[in-house]
Amino acid sequence: MPTPTDSAEEKKPSRNFIQQIIDADLAAGKNDGQVHTRFPPEPNGYLHIGHAKSICLNSGLAREYGGKFNLRFDDTNPAKEEQEYVDAITDDIRWLGADWEDRLCFSSNYFDQLYDWAVQLIQAGKAYVCDLDAEQMREYRGTLTEPGRDSPFRDRSPEENASLFAQMKAGDFPDGSHTLRAKIDMASPNVNLRDPVMYRIKRAHHHRTGDTWCIYPSYDFTHGQSDSIEGITHSICTLEFENHRPLYDWFCESLGIFHPQQIEFARLNLTYTVMSKRLLLQLVNEKHVDGWDDPRMLTLCGLRRRGYTAASIRAFCERIGVAKFNSTIDMAWLEDAIRDDLNTAAPRAMGVLRPLKVVIENYPEGQVEQLEAANHPQNPEMGTRTVPFAREIYVEQGDFMEDAPRKFFRLSVGREVRLRYAYFITCTDVIKDDQGNVVELRCTYDPETKGGNAPDGRKVKGTLHWVSAQHALSAEVRLYDYLFGTEAPGKAPEGGTFLDNLNPDSLEVLADAKLEPSLVDADPCSQFQFERNGYFFADPIDSKPGKPIFNRTATLRDSWKKKR
């Protein structure tokens, strides 16, 4: 498994197999030289990082070839679908940068046409109404190694089937009592071709059609024909639909309609997360997380709330490429993409997450200096800001060690370090509480080292961030880690469930972090690099100017390497 590169220059990727197929189609004049793709989510949950790969691929191909891209909701199961999901999905896709222009489509718009096509198949003797219940149908279906058996209702005449199907539509039968099935081959080695269900009776309110219908088409009967209606030239989907392709082909060929070309690619699998909608829904419903947009979730709304940018997700999808075979990508690729983006774009600030007070005993009492600090060390065009410096400051608890080893280059009694943008200080004494915990350090400073340089040329190896205690902004900071503690959390431990793999330390809330005062009016969704601590994002919901709350998007690369 390759690992992310730190190099600024990356090799230009070769043409992936889907691009090669489209190149060949265009060269052959297929589809009149048109490329038309789509992303077809079911509105029964929120999108996750795996969907982002498909969105970027489909919209990116349309853009590359000067074609069209549709957003279509395959909304065939009203029992699980809601307008909430439609709204969230459209918002996420728009944020990600995909543009469907005026082509927002719904399979429910095609219900009348799908019904007419079902009648056409009935009249052609290629579909029949079946009275078997769900359990009986499973028994008749056979197994992967044994053929199925014909339904006792398979030989009904087209006239009888047409009459029964009309009665199904009229609501004359109870739910589950009848289905409409395609008449294909009960002995086929592909179980998807063993007379699959085309329509079920289901009295459920649909978020778009209301109570107009009491029969609903199956996903398999709807999906390919919806592509056909929309003129999709390249129906790009993940590998789990490869065995469904012969069924989609059969429907289009039997109906004599435009036949889109289905191409399958490997879905995205990431370490330390699950991609199943069912499992994600369980996490939300059982309140193991704080909703679909919990920053520990790899839903797109969760990633957004954590501070991931659309550009970083697009870059991640580009880097991992498109393959024909399933594999698992290390989470490091995703983390690396957001670091690369924010390293360039995020202004710097100083924030002390776990504060330890330092008193600089030879600094004049009551004196306050305004020191100049760069907003970005590599981008001078981002300007500077001033940070106050006074006799009492905060540093990180982890930047002091009482019995420090030789290679510990931070504070210890008798050791000198540099304060970022300020002075050299030397620790002289340690104050402890009754339990022996270090609660304060006493230090001295060298006034000749203002700006962090010594006129005598002496060097120090440690540079610490800090915040003036008098001017510090107290704020809540949320530190997020992986939601799961194992690389393959979907694999339940023996006798348990995937929930046993949850990481109990996936969230740590620091209620009293100390930040430099310039952050007091940080707008929600503002992004910063807290020097030496990582990238932080003002929470879009809970954070308010004057009382910011920051989510850690990612650690810095060095601290990540040490952690992992």
Protein backbone atom coordinates (compact mmCIF):
# COMPACT_ATOMS: atom_id res chain seq x y z
CA MET A 1 0.00 0.00 0.00
CA PRO A 2 1.59 3.31 -1.03
CA THR A 3 1.66 6.15 1.44
CA PRO A 4 0.94 9.84 0.85
CA THR A 5 3.83 11.90 -0.39
CA ASP A 6 5.04 15.14 1.13
CA SER A 7 6.42 16.28 -2.22
CA ALA A 8 4.93 19.42 -3.71
CA GLU A 9 5.11 17.86 -7.15
CA GLU A 10 3.18 14.70 -7.90
CA LYS A 11 3.34 12.64 -11.05
CA LYS A 12 0.55 13.28 -13.51
CA PRO A 13 -1.81 10.29 -13.25
CA SER A 14 -2.36 8.08 -16.27
CA ARG A 15 -5.77 7.76 -17.88
CA ASN A 16 -7.98 5.54 -15.75
CA PHE A 17 -9.92 2.68 -17.32
CA ILE A 18 -13.18 4.66 -17.44
CA GLN A 19 -11.54 7.53 -19.28
CA GLN A 20 -10.07 4.99 -21.70
CA ILE A 21 -13.55 3.56 -22.36
CA ILE A 22 -15.00 7.01 -22.99
CA ASP A 23 -12.05 7.98 -25.19
CA ALA A 24 -12.74 4.88 -27.31
CA ASP A 25 -16.47 5.65 -27.46
CA LEU A 26 -15.82 9.18 -28.66
CA ALA A 27 -13.30 7.98 -31.23
CA ALA A 28 -15.92 5.56 -32.55
CA GLY A 29 -18.60 8.26 -32.73
CA LYS A 30 -20.78 6.51 -30.16
CA ASN A 31 -23.66 8.51 -28.62
CA ASP A 32 -23.07 11.24 -31.24
CA GLY A 33 -19.92 12.20 -29.35
CA GLN A 34 -21.85 13.03 -26.17
CA VAL A 35 -20.93 12.24 -22.56
CA HIS A 36 -23.78 12.39 -20.03
CA THR A 37 -23.27 11.10 -16.48
CA ARG A 38 -25.27 11.20 -13.26
CA PHE A 39 -25.10 10.66 -9.52
CA PRO A 40 -28.20 8.71 -8.39
CA PRO A 41 -28.50 8.63 -4.57
CA GLU A 42 -31.42 7.13 -2.71
CA PRO A 43 -32.80 9.74 -0.28
CA ASN A 44 -32.68 7.40 2.71
CA GLY A 45 -29.64 8.77 4.53
CA TYR A 46 -26.85 11.31 4.41
CA LEU A 47 -23.92 11.17 2.02
CA HIS A 48 -20.52 9.97 3.22
CA ILE A 49 -16.96 10.11 1.93
CA GLY A 50 -17.57 7.08 -0.28
CA HIS A 51 -20.28 8.96 -2.14
CA ALA A 52 -17.85 11.84 -2.65
CA LYS A 53 -15.69 9.59 -4.81
CA SER A 54 -18.64 8.82 -7.08
CA ILE A 55 -19.79 12.45 -7.20
CA CYS A 56 -16.31 13.70 -8.10
CA LEU A 57 -15.88 10.96 -10.68
CA ASN A 58 -19.21 11.45 -12.44
CA SER A 59 -19.25 15.25 -12.38
CA GLY A 60 -15.54 15.38 -13.21
CA LEU A 61 -15.96 13.22 -16.31
CA ALA A 62 -18.83 15.36 -17.55
CA ARG A 63 -16.73 18.48 -17.04
CA GLU A 64 -13.64 16.96 -18.67
CA TYR A 65 -15.50 15.94 -21.82
CA GLY A 66 -17.72 19.02 -22.04
CA GLY A 67 -20.76 16.89 -21.30
CA LYS A 68 -23.69 16.94 -18.89
CA PHE A 69 -24.12 15.79 -15.31
CA ASN A 70 -27.44 14.97 -13.64
CA LEU A 71 -28.36 14.71 -10.00
CA ARG A 72 -31.15 12.14 -9.77
CA PHE A 73 -32.82 10.78 -6.67
CA ASP A 74 -33.84 7.13 -7.05
CA ASP A 75 -36.79 7.56 -4.68
CA THR A 76 -38.63 4.25 -4.98
CA ASN A 77 -38.98 3.29 -1.30
CA PRO A 78 -41.19 5.81 0.53
CA ALA A 79 -40.96 3.88 3.80
CA LYS A 80 -37.31 4.94 4.23
CA GLU A 81 -37.07 8.19 2.27
CA GLU A 82 -37.55 11.73 3.53
CA GLN A 83 -37.35 15.29 2.22
CA GLU A 84 -34.75 15.94 4.92
CA TYR A 85 -32.37 13.61 3.11
CA VAL A 86 -33.10 15.21 -0.27
CA ASP A 87 -32.25 18.65 1.11
CA ALA A 88 -29.10 17.46 2.86
CA ILE A 89 -27.85 15.57 -0.19
CA THR A 90 -28.36 18.48 -2.58
CA ASP A 91 -26.61 20.80 -0.11
CA ASP A 92 -23.62 18.46 0.22
CA ILE A 93 -23.24 17.92 -3.53
CA ARG A 94 -23.48 21.64 -4.24
CA TRP A 95 -20.83 22.29 -1.55
CA LEU A 96 -18.58 19.67 -3.10
CA GLY A 97 -18.64 21.64 -6.35
CA ALA A 98 -20.69 19.41 -8.66
CA ASP A 99 -23.06 21.35 -10.93
CA TRP A 100 -26.17 19.66 -12.29
CA GLU A 101 -27.44 22.98 -13.70
CA ASP A 102 -31.19 22.54 -14.33
CA ARG A 103 -31.07 18.75 -14.27
CA LEU A 104 -32.32 17.90 -10.81
CA CYS A 105 -34.26 14.69 -11.44
CA PHE A 106 -36.34 12.20 -9.47
CA SER A 107 -37.24 8.66 -10.43
CA SER A 108 -40.69 9.41 -9.01
CA ASN A 109 -41.14 11.78 -11.96
CA TYR A 110 -41.09 8.68 -14.15
CA PHE A 111 -43.61 6.55 -12.24
CA ASP A 112 -46.24 6.87 -14.98
CA GLN A 113 -43.76 5.85 -17.69
CA LEU A 114 -42.44 2.97 -15.58
CA TYR A 115 -45.98 1.71 -15.07
CA ASP A 116 -46.63 1.83 -18.80
CA TRP A 117 -43.42 -0.09 -19.46
CA ALA A 118 -44.46 -2.71 -16.91
CA VAL A 119 -47.74 -3.13 -18.78
CA GLN A 120 -45.76 -3.44 -22.03
CA LEU A 121 -43.73 -6.31 -20.56
CA ILE A 122 -46.89 -7.99 -19.29
CA GLN A 123 -48.47 -7.80 -22.72
CA ALA A 124 -45.30 -9.26 -24.24
CA GLY A 125 -45.47 -12.21 -21.86
CA LYS A 126 -42.32 -11.05 -20.04
CA ALA A 127 -43.84 -10.16 -16.68
CA TYR A 128 -46.45 -11.75 -14.42
CA VAL A 129 -48.30 -11.14 -11.17
CA CYS A 130 -47.19 -13.51 -8.42
CA ASP A 131 -49.11 -14.38 -5.25
CA LEU A 132 -46.18 -15.86 -3.33
CA ASP A 133 -45.37 -14.06 -0.08
CA ALA A 134 -41.83 -12.94 0.75
CA GLU A 135 -40.90 -16.14 2.60
CA GLN A 136 -42.25 -18.39 -0.16
CA MET A 137 -40.43 -16.34 -2.77
CA ARG A 138 -37.14 -16.89 -0.94
CA GLU A 139 -37.78 -20.63 -0.88
CA TYR A 140 -38.53 -20.71 -4.61
CA ARG A 141 -35.53 -18.56 -5.49
CA GLY A 142 -32.93 -21.26 -4.85
CA THR A 143 -29.35 -20.68 -3.74
CA LEU A 144 -26.03 -19.72 -5.28
CA THR A 145 -25.42 -23.42 -6.04
CA GLU A 146 -28.97 -24.61 -6.68
CA PRO A 147 -31.42 -23.28 -9.31
CA GLY A 148 -34.72 -21.77 -8.33
CA ARG A 149 -38.20 -23.13 -9.04
CA ASP A 150 -40.88 -21.55 -11.18
CA SER A 151 -43.64 -19.78 -9.30
CA PRO A 152 -47.00 -21.59 -9.61
CA PHE A 153 -48.36 -18.29 -10.97
CA ARG A 154 -45.69 -17.89 -13.66
CA ASP A 155 -47.89 -19.14 -16.52
CA ARG A 156 -50.80 -16.76 -16.07
CA SER A 157 -51.94 -15.28 -19.35
CA PRO A 158 -50.99 -11.73 -20.31
CA GLU A 159 -54.65 -10.76 -20.05
CA GLU A 160 -54.98 -12.09 -16.49
CA ASN A 161 -51.69 -10.46 -15.46
CA ALA A 162 -52.74 -7.13 -16.94
CA SER A 163 -56.04 -7.26 -15.05
CA LEU A 164 -54.37 -8.20 -11.75
CA PHE A 165 -51.72 -5.50 -12.16
CA ALA A 166 -54.42 -2.89 -12.75
CA GLN A 167 -56.14 -4.09 -9.57
CA MET A 168 -52.83 -3.79 -7.70
CA LYS A 169 -52.58 -0.16 -8.85
CA ALA A 170 -56.19 0.49 -7.88
CA GLY A 171 -55.57 -0.67 -4.31
CA ASP A 172 -57.77 -3.75 -4.49
CA PHE A 173 -55.24 -5.99 -2.71
CA PRO A 174 -53.56 -5.73 0.71
CA ASP A 175 -49.87 -4.91 1.08
CA GLY A 176 -47.56 -7.82 0.37
CA SER A 177 -50.22 -10.02 -1.19
CA HIS A 178 -49.07 -9.67 -4.81
CA THR A 179 -45.96 -8.63 -6.71
CA LEU A 180 -45.19 -8.06 -10.34
CA ARG A 181 -42.18 -10.09 -11.44
CA ALA A 182 -40.11 -10.17 -14.61
CA LYS A 183 -40.23 -13.55 -16.38
CA ILE A 184 -36.58 -14.32 -17.13
CA ASP A 185 -34.90 -17.54 -15.94
CA MET A 186 -35.31 -19.23 -12.55
CA ALA A 187 -32.30 -21.45 -13.31
CA SER A 188 -29.93 -18.60 -14.11
CA PRO A 189 -26.60 -18.73 -12.23
CA ASN A 190 -27.12 -14.98 -11.68
CA VAL A 191 -29.77 -14.86 -8.97
CA ASN A 192 -30.69 -11.32 -10.03
CA LEU A 193 -32.22 -12.84 -13.17
CA ARG A 194 -34.43 -15.31 -11.30
CA ASP A 195 -37.71 -13.53 -11.98
CA PRO A 196 -36.93 -10.40 -9.97
CA VAL A 197 -39.68 -8.29 -8.42
CA MET A 198 -40.64 -5.23 -10.44
CA TYR A 199 -43.52 -3.87 -8.28
CA ARG A 200 -44.69 -4.29 -4.70
CA ILE A 201 -47.89 -3.17 -3.02
CA LYS A 202 -46.90 -0.69 -0.31
CA ARG A 203 -49.28 1.84 1.15
CA ALA A 204 -46.79 4.46 2.25
CA HIS A 205 -46.78 8.23 1.87
CA HIS A 206 -44.19 9.34 -0.68
CA HIS A 207 -42.33 12.57 -0.03
CA ARG A 208 -43.09 13.78 -3.58
CA THR A 209 -46.09 11.88 -4.96
CA GLY A 210 -47.98 11.74 -1.67
CA ASP A 211 -50.61 8.98 -1.65
CA THR A 212 -51.08 8.83 -5.40
CA TRP A 213 -49.53 5.38 -5.64
CA CYS A 214 -49.96 2.26 -3.55
CA ILE A 215 -47.59 0.24 -5.72
CA TYR A 216 -43.95 1.18 -6.09
CA PRO A 217 -41.33 -0.02 -8.60
CA SER A 218 -38.28 -1.83 -7.31
CA TYR A 219 -34.90 -0.16 -7.47
CA ASP A 220 -33.71 -2.66 -10.08
CA PHE A 221 -36.68 -1.98 -12.35
CA THR A 222 -36.33 1.79 -11.93
CA HIS A 223 -32.62 2.49 -12.05
CA GLY A 224 -31.68 1.49 -15.60
CA GLN A 225 -34.84 2.88 -17.17
CA SER A 226 -34.35 6.21 -15.38
CA ASP A 227 -30.87 6.37 -16.91
CA SER A 228 -32.46 5.64 -20.28
CA ILE A 229 -35.10 8.35 -19.92
CA GLU A 230 -32.43 10.92 -19.07
CA GLY A 231 -30.17 9.91 -21.94
CA ILE A 232 -27.30 8.89 -19.67
CA THR A 233 -24.50 7.65 -21.91
CA HIS A 234 -22.20 6.22 -19.26
CA SER A 235 -23.91 4.80 -16.19
CA ILE A 236 -21.02 4.67 -13.74
CA CYS A 237 -21.58 2.77 -10.50
CA THR A 238 -19.74 0.71 -7.92
CA LEU A 239 -18.80 -2.95 -8.20
CA GLU A 240 -21.70 -4.31 -6.15
CA PHE A 241 -23.95 -3.51 -9.14
CA GLU A 242 -21.89 -5.57 -11.59
CA ASN A 243 -24.17 -8.61 -11.18
CA HIS A 244 -27.19 -6.35 -11.69
CA ARG A 245 -25.98 -5.18 -15.10
CA PRO A 246 -27.43 -8.18 -17.01
CA LEU A 247 -30.82 -7.38 -15.48
CA TYR A 248 -30.63 -3.72 -16.50
CA ASP A 249 -29.60 -4.85 -19.98
CA TRP A 250 -32.57 -7.25 -20.14
CA PHE A 251 -35.07 -4.53 -19.22
CA CYS A 252 -33.74 -2.04 -21.78
CA GLU A 253 -33.51 -4.65 -24.54
CA SER A 254 -36.94 -6.11 -23.77
CA LEU A 255 -38.51 -2.66 -23.86
CA GLY A 256 -36.57 -1.57 -26.94
CA ILE A 257 -35.43 1.69 -25.35
CA PHE A 258 -32.15 3.61 -25.29
CA HIS A 259 -29.53 1.48 -23.58
CA PRO A 260 -26.97 3.31 -21.39
CA GLN A 261 -23.57 1.69 -20.93
CA GLN A 262 -22.98 0.63 -17.32
CA ILE A 263 -19.37 0.72 -16.07
CA GLU A 264 -18.44 -0.47 -12.58
CA PHE A 265 -15.57 0.79 -10.45
CA ALA A 266 -14.30 -0.05 -6.97
CA ARG A 267 -16.09 1.69 -4.14
CA LEU A 268 -14.12 3.60 -1.53
CA ASN A 269 -13.23 1.76 1.66
CA LEU A 270 -11.31 3.58 4.38
CA THR A 271 -9.62 2.35 7.52
CA TYR A 272 -11.13 3.25 10.90
CA THR A 273 -14.63 3.85 9.55
CA VAL A 274 -17.77 2.16 8.25
CA MET A 275 -19.51 3.06 5.00
CA SER A 276 -22.76 1.16 5.37
CA LYS A 277 -25.82 3.44 5.53
CA ARG A 278 -27.44 0.90 7.81
CA LEU A 279 -24.57 1.07 10.31
CA LEU A 280 -24.34 4.86 10.10
CA LEU A 281 -28.07 5.10 10.75
CA GLN A 282 -27.68 2.82 13.76
CA LEU A 283 -24.93 5.05 15.15
CA VAL A 284 -27.24 8.05 14.85
CA ASN A 285 -30.45 6.44 16.07
CA GLU A 286 -28.79 4.83 19.09
CA LYS A 287 -27.04 8.14 19.90
CA HIS A 288 -23.49 6.80 19.76
CA VAL A 289 -22.81 10.07 17.92
CA ASP A 290 -24.40 13.51 18.07
CA GLY A 291 -26.25 13.26 14.77
CA TRP A 292 -25.38 12.84 11.12
CA ASP A 293 -23.11 15.90 11.25
CA ASP A 294 -21.08 14.71 14.23
CA PRO A 295 -17.48 15.61 13.27
CA ARG A 296 -16.39 12.04 14.02
CA MET A 297 -18.67 10.74 11.28
CA LEU A 298 -17.29 10.53 7.76
CA THR A 299 -20.54 11.84 6.36
CA LEU A 300 -19.98 14.87 4.17
CA CYS A 301 -21.87 17.05 6.64
CA GLY A 302 -19.75 15.62 9.48
CA LEU A 303 -16.54 16.34 7.58
CA ARG A 304 -17.77 19.84 6.81
CA ARG A 305 -18.50 20.49 10.48
CA ARG A 306 -15.06 19.22 11.40
CA GLY A 307 -13.50 21.72 9.00
CA TYR A 308 -12.72 19.66 5.92
CA THR A 309 -12.84 21.70 2.74
CA ALA A 310 -14.46 20.72 -0.53
CA ALA A 311 -11.10 21.25 -2.25
CA SER A 312 -9.38 18.78 0.08
CA ILE A 313 -12.00 16.08 -0.55
CA ARG A 314 -11.78 16.60 -4.31
CA ALA A 315 -7.98 16.34 -4.08
CA PHE A 316 -8.29 13.16 -2.01
CA CYS A 317 -10.60 11.57 -4.59
CA GLU A 318 -8.20 12.54 -7.35
CA ARG A 319 -5.21 11.06 -5.53
CA ILE A 320 -6.73 7.67 -4.77
CA GLY A 321 -7.81 7.27 -8.39
CA VAL A 322 -10.27 4.84 -9.95
CA ALA A 323 -9.75 1.08 -9.90
CA LYS A 324 -11.57 -2.08 -10.97
CA PHE A 325 -10.90 -4.02 -7.77
CA ASN A 326 -11.93 -3.27 -4.20
CA SER A 327 -9.25 -2.28 -1.73
CA THR A 328 -8.98 -0.32 1.51
CA ILE A 329 -7.38 3.11 1.59
CA ASP A 330 -5.49 4.23 4.68
CA MET A 331 -7.10 7.15 6.49
CA ALA A 332 -3.74 8.91 6.18
CA TRP A 333 -4.60 9.78 2.57
CA LEU A 334 -7.65 11.78 3.65
CA GLU A 335 -5.83 13.47 6.51
CA ASP A 336 -2.94 14.33 4.24
CA ALA A 337 -5.29 16.02 1.76
CA ILE A 338 -6.78 18.39 4.33
CA ARG A 339 -3.35 19.24 5.75
CA ASP A 340 -2.05 20.11 2.30
CA ASP A 341 -5.00 22.41 1.70
CA LEU A 342 -5.02 24.13 5.08
CA ASN A 343 -1.25 24.45 5.27
CA THR A 344 -1.51 26.94 2.43
CA ALA A 345 -4.83 28.58 3.25
CA ALA A 346 -5.18 28.69 7.05
CA PRO A 347 -3.85 31.74 8.94
CA ARG A 348 -1.79 31.06 12.04
CA ALA A 349 -2.72 31.79 15.63
CA MET A 350 -1.55 30.71 19.08
CA GLY A 351 -3.71 28.61 21.31
CA VAL A 352 -2.71 26.78 24.48
CA LEU A 353 -4.93 23.75 24.87
CA ARG A 354 -3.82 22.55 28.31
CA PRO A 355 -2.52 25.68 30.01
CA LEU A 356 0.29 25.90 32.55
CA LYS A 357 0.98 29.34 34.04
CA VAL A 358 4.44 30.84 33.71
CA VAL A 359 5.52 33.89 35.73
CA ILE A 360 8.50 35.75 34.23
CA GLU A 361 9.90 37.17 37.43
CA ASN A 362 12.29 39.76 35.97
CA TYR A 363 9.74 41.14 33.50
CA PRO A 364 8.35 44.52 34.66
CA GLU A 365 5.04 44.23 36.47
CA GLY A 366 2.20 45.97 34.66
CA GLN A 367 4.10 46.20 31.36
CA VAL A 368 2.39 44.98 28.19
CA GLU A 369 4.09 44.78 24.81
CA GLN A 370 2.39 44.35 21.46
CA LEU A 371 4.52 41.96 19.45
CA GLU A 372 4.24 41.48 15.71
CA ALA A 373 3.34 37.98 14.53
CA ALA A 374 3.08 36.67 10.97
CA ASN A 375 -0.33 35.40 9.91
CA HIS A 376 1.42 32.87 7.68
CA PRO A 377 5.19 32.32 7.68
CA GLN A 378 5.31 31.23 4.02
CA ASN A 379 2.73 33.74 2.71
CA PRO A 380 3.77 37.28 3.67
CA GLU A 381 0.85 38.65 1.63
CA MET A 382 -1.43 37.39 4.42
CA GLY A 383 -0.01 40.13 6.62
CA THR A 384 0.70 40.34 10.33
CA ARG A 385 -1.14 40.77 13.59
CA THR A 386 -0.11 41.91 17.08
CA VAL A 387 -0.18 39.70 20.14
CA PRO A 388 0.10 41.05 23.69
CA PHE A 389 2.98 39.93 25.91
CA ALA A 390 3.09 40.43 29.67
CA ARG A 391 4.71 39.10 32.85
CA GLU A 392 2.37 36.11 33.17
CA ILE A 393 1.75 33.78 30.26
CA TYR A 394 0.40 30.31 29.56
CA VAL A 395 2.31 27.51 27.88
CA GLU A 396 1.32 23.91 27.22
CA GLN A 397 1.58 21.50 30.12
CA GLY A 398 3.33 19.09 27.78
CA ASP A 399 6.05 21.66 27.12
CA PHE A 400 7.45 21.22 30.63
CA MET A 401 9.11 18.17 32.12
CA GLU A 402 10.64 18.18 35.57
CA ASP A 403 13.04 15.29 35.00
CA ALA A 404 13.65 15.86 31.33
CA PRO A 405 15.84 13.60 29.19
CA ARG A 406 18.70 15.13 27.24
CA LYS A 407 16.74 15.32 23.98
CA PHE A 408 13.75 17.07 25.50
CA PHE A 409 14.12 20.53 23.96
CA ARG A 410 11.41 22.32 25.86
CA LEU A 411 11.12 23.73 29.39
CA SER A 412 12.81 22.17 32.38
CA VAL A 413 14.55 23.75 35.33
CA GLY A 414 17.73 25.42 34.09
CA ARG A 415 16.86 25.13 30.39
CA GLU A 416 16.40 28.03 28.01
CA VAL A 417 13.79 28.09 25.24
CA ARG A 418 12.46 30.60 22.75
CA LEU A 419 8.93 31.99 22.98
CA ARG A 420 7.53 32.40 19.49
CA TYR A 421 7.78 36.09 18.38
CA ALA A 422 8.93 37.10 21.90
CA TYR A 423 11.99 36.32 24.04
CA PHE A 424 14.26 33.60 25.37
CA ILE A 425 13.20 32.43 28.82
CA THR A 426 14.83 30.10 31.33
CA CYS A 427 12.94 28.06 33.91
CA THR A 428 14.20 28.68 37.43
CA ASP A 429 11.63 27.14 39.76
CA VAL A 430 8.54 24.92 39.91
CA ILE A 431 5.41 25.51 42.02
CA LYS A 432 3.33 22.47 42.98
CA ASP A 433 0.01 21.96 44.72
CA ASP A 434 -0.62 19.76 47.76
CA GLN A 435 -0.90 16.67 45.55
CA GLY A 436 2.45 17.29 43.93
CA ASN A 437 1.05 18.51 40.61
CA VAL A 438 2.95 21.24 38.79
CA VAL A 439 0.70 24.32 38.71
CA GLU A 440 3.12 27.13 37.91
CA LEU A 441 6.61 27.78 36.59
CA ARG A 442 8.92 30.62 37.53
CA CYS A 443 11.19 31.86 34.77
CA THR A 444 13.46 34.72 33.79
CA TYR A 445 13.76 36.32 30.37
CA ASP A 446 16.59 37.88 28.40
CA PRO A 447 15.40 41.35 27.26
CA GLU A 448 18.09 41.36 24.55
CA THR A 449 16.37 38.53 22.68
CA LYS A 450 13.22 40.35 21.59
CA GLY A 451 11.83 38.82 18.43
CA GLY A 452 13.36 35.46 19.26
CA ASN A 453 16.99 36.11 18.37
CA ALA A 454 20.03 36.49 20.62
CA PRO A 455 22.52 39.24 19.72
CA ASP A 456 25.39 37.07 20.95
CA GLY A 457 24.41 34.38 18.45
CA ARG A 458 23.55 31.69 20.99
CA LYS A 459 21.04 29.10 19.85
CA VAL A 460 18.19 27.29 21.55
CA LYS A 461 16.55 24.20 20.14
CA GLY A 462 13.07 24.65 21.54
CA THR A 463 10.46 27.20 20.39
CA LEU A 464 7.18 27.32 22.29
CA HIS A 465 3.83 28.93 21.58
CA TRP A 466 2.24 30.89 24.41
CA VAL A 467 -0.62 33.24 25.33
CA SER A 468 -0.61 36.21 27.67
CA ALA A 469 -2.54 35.21 30.80
CA GLN A 470 -3.95 38.71 31.24
CA HIS A 471 -5.32 38.86 27.71
CA ALA A 472 -6.10 35.19 27.04
CA LEU A 473 -9.44 34.21 25.59
CA SER A 474 -10.94 31.22 27.41
CA ALA A 475 -12.65 28.96 24.92
CA GLU A 476 -13.99 25.44 24.40
CA VAL A 477 -11.92 23.30 22.09
CA ARG A 478 -13.04 19.87 20.87
CA LEU A 479 -10.39 17.32 19.99
CA TYR A 480 -11.65 14.61 17.65
CA ASP A 481 -10.04 11.25 17.02
CA TYR A 482 -11.18 8.23 15.02
CA LEU A 483 -14.70 7.09 15.92
CA PHE A 484 -13.48 3.50 15.87
CA GLY A 485 -10.36 2.08 17.48
CA THR A 486 -9.66 -0.62 14.90
CA GLU A 487 -8.70 -0.40 11.24
CA ALA A 488 -11.58 -2.63 10.11
CA PRO A 489 -14.43 -1.69 12.48
CA GLY A 490 -17.09 -3.36 10.36
CA LYS A 491 -15.69 -6.73 11.43
CA ALA A 492 -17.37 -7.43 14.73
CA PRO A 493 -15.37 -9.18 17.45
CA GLU A 494 -16.44 -12.73 18.24
CA GLY A 495 -19.76 -12.68 20.04
CA GLY A 496 -20.14 -8.92 19.61
CA THR A 497 -21.13 -6.22 17.12
CA PHE A 498 -19.31 -3.46 15.28
CA LEU A 499 -20.26 -1.15 18.17
CA ASP A 500 -17.70 -2.98 20.31
CA ASN A 501 -15.05 -1.36 18.11
CA LEU A 502 -16.06 2.19 19.06
CA ASN A 503 -13.20 4.31 20.35
CA PRO A 504 -14.10 5.61 23.86
CA ASP A 505 -11.58 8.45 23.41
CA SER A 506 -12.89 9.70 20.07
CA LEU A 507 -13.84 13.07 21.58
CA GLU A 508 -12.11 15.13 24.25
CA VAL A 509 -13.63 18.47 25.20
CA LEU A 510 -11.24 21.05 26.63
CA ALA A 511 -13.47 23.53 28.40
CA ASP A 512 -10.83 26.12 29.28
CA ALA A 513 -8.26 26.37 26.52
CA LYS A 514 -6.44 29.70 26.34
CA LEU A 515 -6.31 31.44 22.97
CA GLU A 516 -4.74 34.65 21.76
CA PRO A 517 -7.27 37.52 21.97
CA SER A 518 -7.41 38.08 18.19
CA LEU A 519 -9.64 34.98 17.97
CA VAL A 520 -12.43 36.44 20.09
CA ASP A 521 -14.45 37.56 17.06
CA ALA A 522 -13.68 34.56 14.88
CA ASP A 523 -16.65 33.94 12.63
CA PRO A 524 -18.24 30.48 12.52
CA CYS A 525 -16.47 28.39 9.86
CA SER A 526 -13.21 30.32 10.29
CA GLN A 527 -10.14 28.13 9.95
CA PHE A 528 -6.79 28.52 11.69
CA GLN A 529 -3.64 26.66 12.35
CA PHE A 530 -3.00 26.81 16.08
CA GLU A 531 0.77 26.77 15.98
CA ARG A 532 2.21 23.40 17.00
CA ASN A 533 -1.29 22.05 17.79
CA GLY A 534 -2.98 21.50 14.46
CA TYR A 535 -5.77 22.92 12.31
CA PHE A 536 -8.92 24.21 13.98
CA PHE A 537 -12.34 25.24 12.72
CA ALA A 538 -14.87 27.49 14.42
CA ASP A 539 -17.94 25.29 14.80
CA PRO A 540 -20.62 26.42 12.32
CA ILE A 541 -23.47 25.76 14.77
CA ASP A 542 -22.22 26.29 18.32
CA SER A 543 -19.54 28.92 17.81
CA LYS A 544 -20.46 32.60 18.08
CA PRO A 545 -18.37 35.78 17.72
CA GLY A 546 -17.27 36.69 21.22
CA LYS A 547 -17.56 33.08 22.36
CA PRO A 548 -15.91 30.85 19.78
CA ILE A 549 -15.86 27.07 19.96
CA PHE A 550 -13.21 25.31 17.90
CA ASN A 551 -13.15 21.81 16.45
CA ARG A 552 -9.78 20.28 15.66
CA THR A 553 -9.84 19.34 11.99
CA ALA A 554 -6.45 17.61 11.93
CA THR A 555 -3.23 17.44 13.84
CA LEU A 556 -0.02 18.67 12.30
CA ARG A 557 1.89 16.09 10.32
CA ASP A 558 4.68 15.71 12.86
CA SER A 559 2.36 15.20 15.82
CA TRP A 560 0.29 12.77 13.75
CA LYS A 561 3.34 10.67 12.96
CA LYS A 562 4.30 10.54 16.63
CA LYS A 563 0.74 9.65 17.62
CA ARG A 564 0.29 6.87 15.12
